[in-house]
Amino acid sequence: MTDSTDLPALEQALSGLTARISSLRDARSAYPGDPGPTLDAALVELDTARDLLRASIGELGKSRRRSGGREGGSNRELKLLRTVYRSLPVPVIILDTAGTVRRVNAEASRLLGSPDGYLTGRAFPLLVDVSRRAAFRSHLTSVLHTGETAAFPTRLAHQGRAHNVRLVLTQLRMPGEPQEMIAAVALPVEVRMPEPEQAVRETEQGPDESLVMAAARRQELMSRLTRLLLDEESLSEPVAIIRAGRLLASHTADWVFADVVRGGTVRRALAIGPGDQPVARLVQTLERMDPSAAPLVRHVLEGGAGVVQEMVEDDGLLGVLPDGSPVLHATRAGSVLSVPIHAGDEVQGVITLLRLRERPPFGLADLALMEDAGAHIGLALRAQRLFQDRAQAADTLQTGVLPRTLPDVPGYDVAAAYHTGSAPKAIGGEFYDVFPVKDGWGFAVGGVVGQGEEAASVTALVRGGLRTLSVWEDDPGAVVSRLNDALVAQDTGMFVMVAAGFVTPGRRGGRVRLASAGNHPPAVLKNDGDVRYTSGGGVPLGIETGAAIPVEEVALAVGETMVLYSDGLAGSRGRSGQEELAYGESRLTEVLARCTGQPATAVVKAVEEDHQAFSGGQVLDEMTMLALRRAR
């Protein structure tokens, strides 16, 4: 097409057009008999076109004279328009009718995170959230067909960035261009231009209140997560992942997945979906899936770094369901965030969060928060393993302190109880035992002053010593005395309180010989409800060689019960109003007096229940007791 600003070319075109009109008139005159209404109409149109061209040439001539005959004025205007377009403070993208990007201004490049050269030639619908692409195409078609401007909310994303915007599409018709163009203007969802005075006030007031509130919410979430992970139950039971997942699902995500490495293999430990949607079956399916099939999980495990996509760009990031549909499509995920669970350099798993398409997307602040959360969870899992290893070791040591079962003692009914207390679990120093001796059966209750592995090892030594020495000795006093000398020689630095007794069923009836080494004196429940205490006495084992060990003989009639107990029972504390009291022998006496004629198990249970009531359910220290009732 001839450039409309080229005056000589226009003049040449006008001369050609005039010549053509003359030729047509001559042709009409040469054939006067031919009907010529159509030709007459064509001549009129050509005359009109000639007149318009003459007028245009005249105007162009005047314009050139006004500008001093200088060419290039329109070029300067074009440069100005291009500069304005590039400098506009709002994102503007020029599209062709197929939706392909043709021009991008600087603000649009900043919004999408790529230079204009990279974006030019790309299909604009690919920059729109997959869930909203169909709506965008409908609006684009409407603008092309009707020429009317369309404005609608949508979501743009590229290079890991996502933005909720109000997109305005308007048709552009440019002279000299064979194809129409579309201008796409991306405006914020909410636009509010502050007055100058208001802007000054907001500047003086300091940080944006919404940013401060968001930071406070993130801090609160981390605080709650830390308290939850440090809870004793989170350490003693495998519930840290479950609790953390539920907290994250209720505060920051719609879907939460936790995948943990066990034995070199990554396994799904948790899948939580939106609580207000019918997704139970989908959750069950996701729980059974192999997380190693998810490219995103593998990437985070191998790289040890978190990933955030403000808008999902690849539906296959978390793998596919058995029916072939992508997990991210089935969960309606619009934004995804995945971070490693790690303690130091050890990557123990992956936490993955999803937000639905209608929710605000995850951002860099969320990524930083969740990376900290992943480190906290990793440390909690490592502490949990150490705690469980320690608990297993404690159980092993405890097996050396307490018998698995109580043997049947002919003519006697035996029951016992041991409680570690409600304080954080530690290896106890108290014990009880019933064991065979030279001419009958032995029994003992005692405790080391202290707790922990060393106390448990000394307790196991005492228990083993009692059993071993009793094979050759028929006097509990001699056994306890020799055990005392052995402890002094070992120089453990720990002292042990013990009450031990021997019975010889059949030969001596209900005669019980008792030896005491600093333990509380055993109680004897008589058939008439009276409760008496033995002499007890002595000093704890391990203090001095040759220490005197008091020994006494107690007669038990049929139906009477002897109760041995540790300092953890007698010395435990409780409150009565504002006053703190010890459980003591006086309260024990009242409980035992109500148990006349009852079997040994009932006596032990009654004391346990009363002790719990006295302590308000918070028994901090361990407690041990053993009941020996003569049955016949």
Foldseek 3Di string as FASTA:
>chain_A
DDDLLDLVVLVVVLVVLVVVLVVLVVVCVVCVPDDDPVSVVVSVVSVVVSVVSVVSSVVSVVVCVVVVNDPCPVVVVVVVVVVCQQPDCFWKFKAFLQQFTAFTHPNVCVQAVHDRVVRHGDRVLLQWFPVCSVVVVVQSVCCVVPQDKDWAWTWGYHPQDIATWIWIWGWADDPPDPGIMIMITTHHPDDDDDDPVVVVVVVVVDDDPVVVVVVVLLVVLVVVLLVLLPDLCVQQDVCNVVVNQVSCCVRPFQWKWWWFQDPNAIATDAIHHHPVDPCVVVRVQVNPDRQVQAQQFVCCQVVQAKDKRQADSDLRNRHATPVGHRPCVVRQFGIKIKHFQAAPPRGTIMMIGTHHNVDGGDDPVNRVSVNVVSNSSNVSVVSSVVSNVQVVVLVVLVCLAEPPDADDFPQKFKDKDKDAFDANDFRFFWHKHWAAACQGIKIKTKGKPDTHDLSSVVSSVLVVQLRVVRNPDPASQVSVQVVLQVLLVVPSVIWMWMKMWGDHPPPPHQKIKIKTAPWFFKWKQALVLAIDTDPHDHHTGNDDHPGGIDMDIDGADAQMKIKGKGCLQQAWWADDVPDIDGCHPVVLSVQSSVQRSHGQVVSNVSSVVVSCVRHVNGSHHMIIMMMMHRND
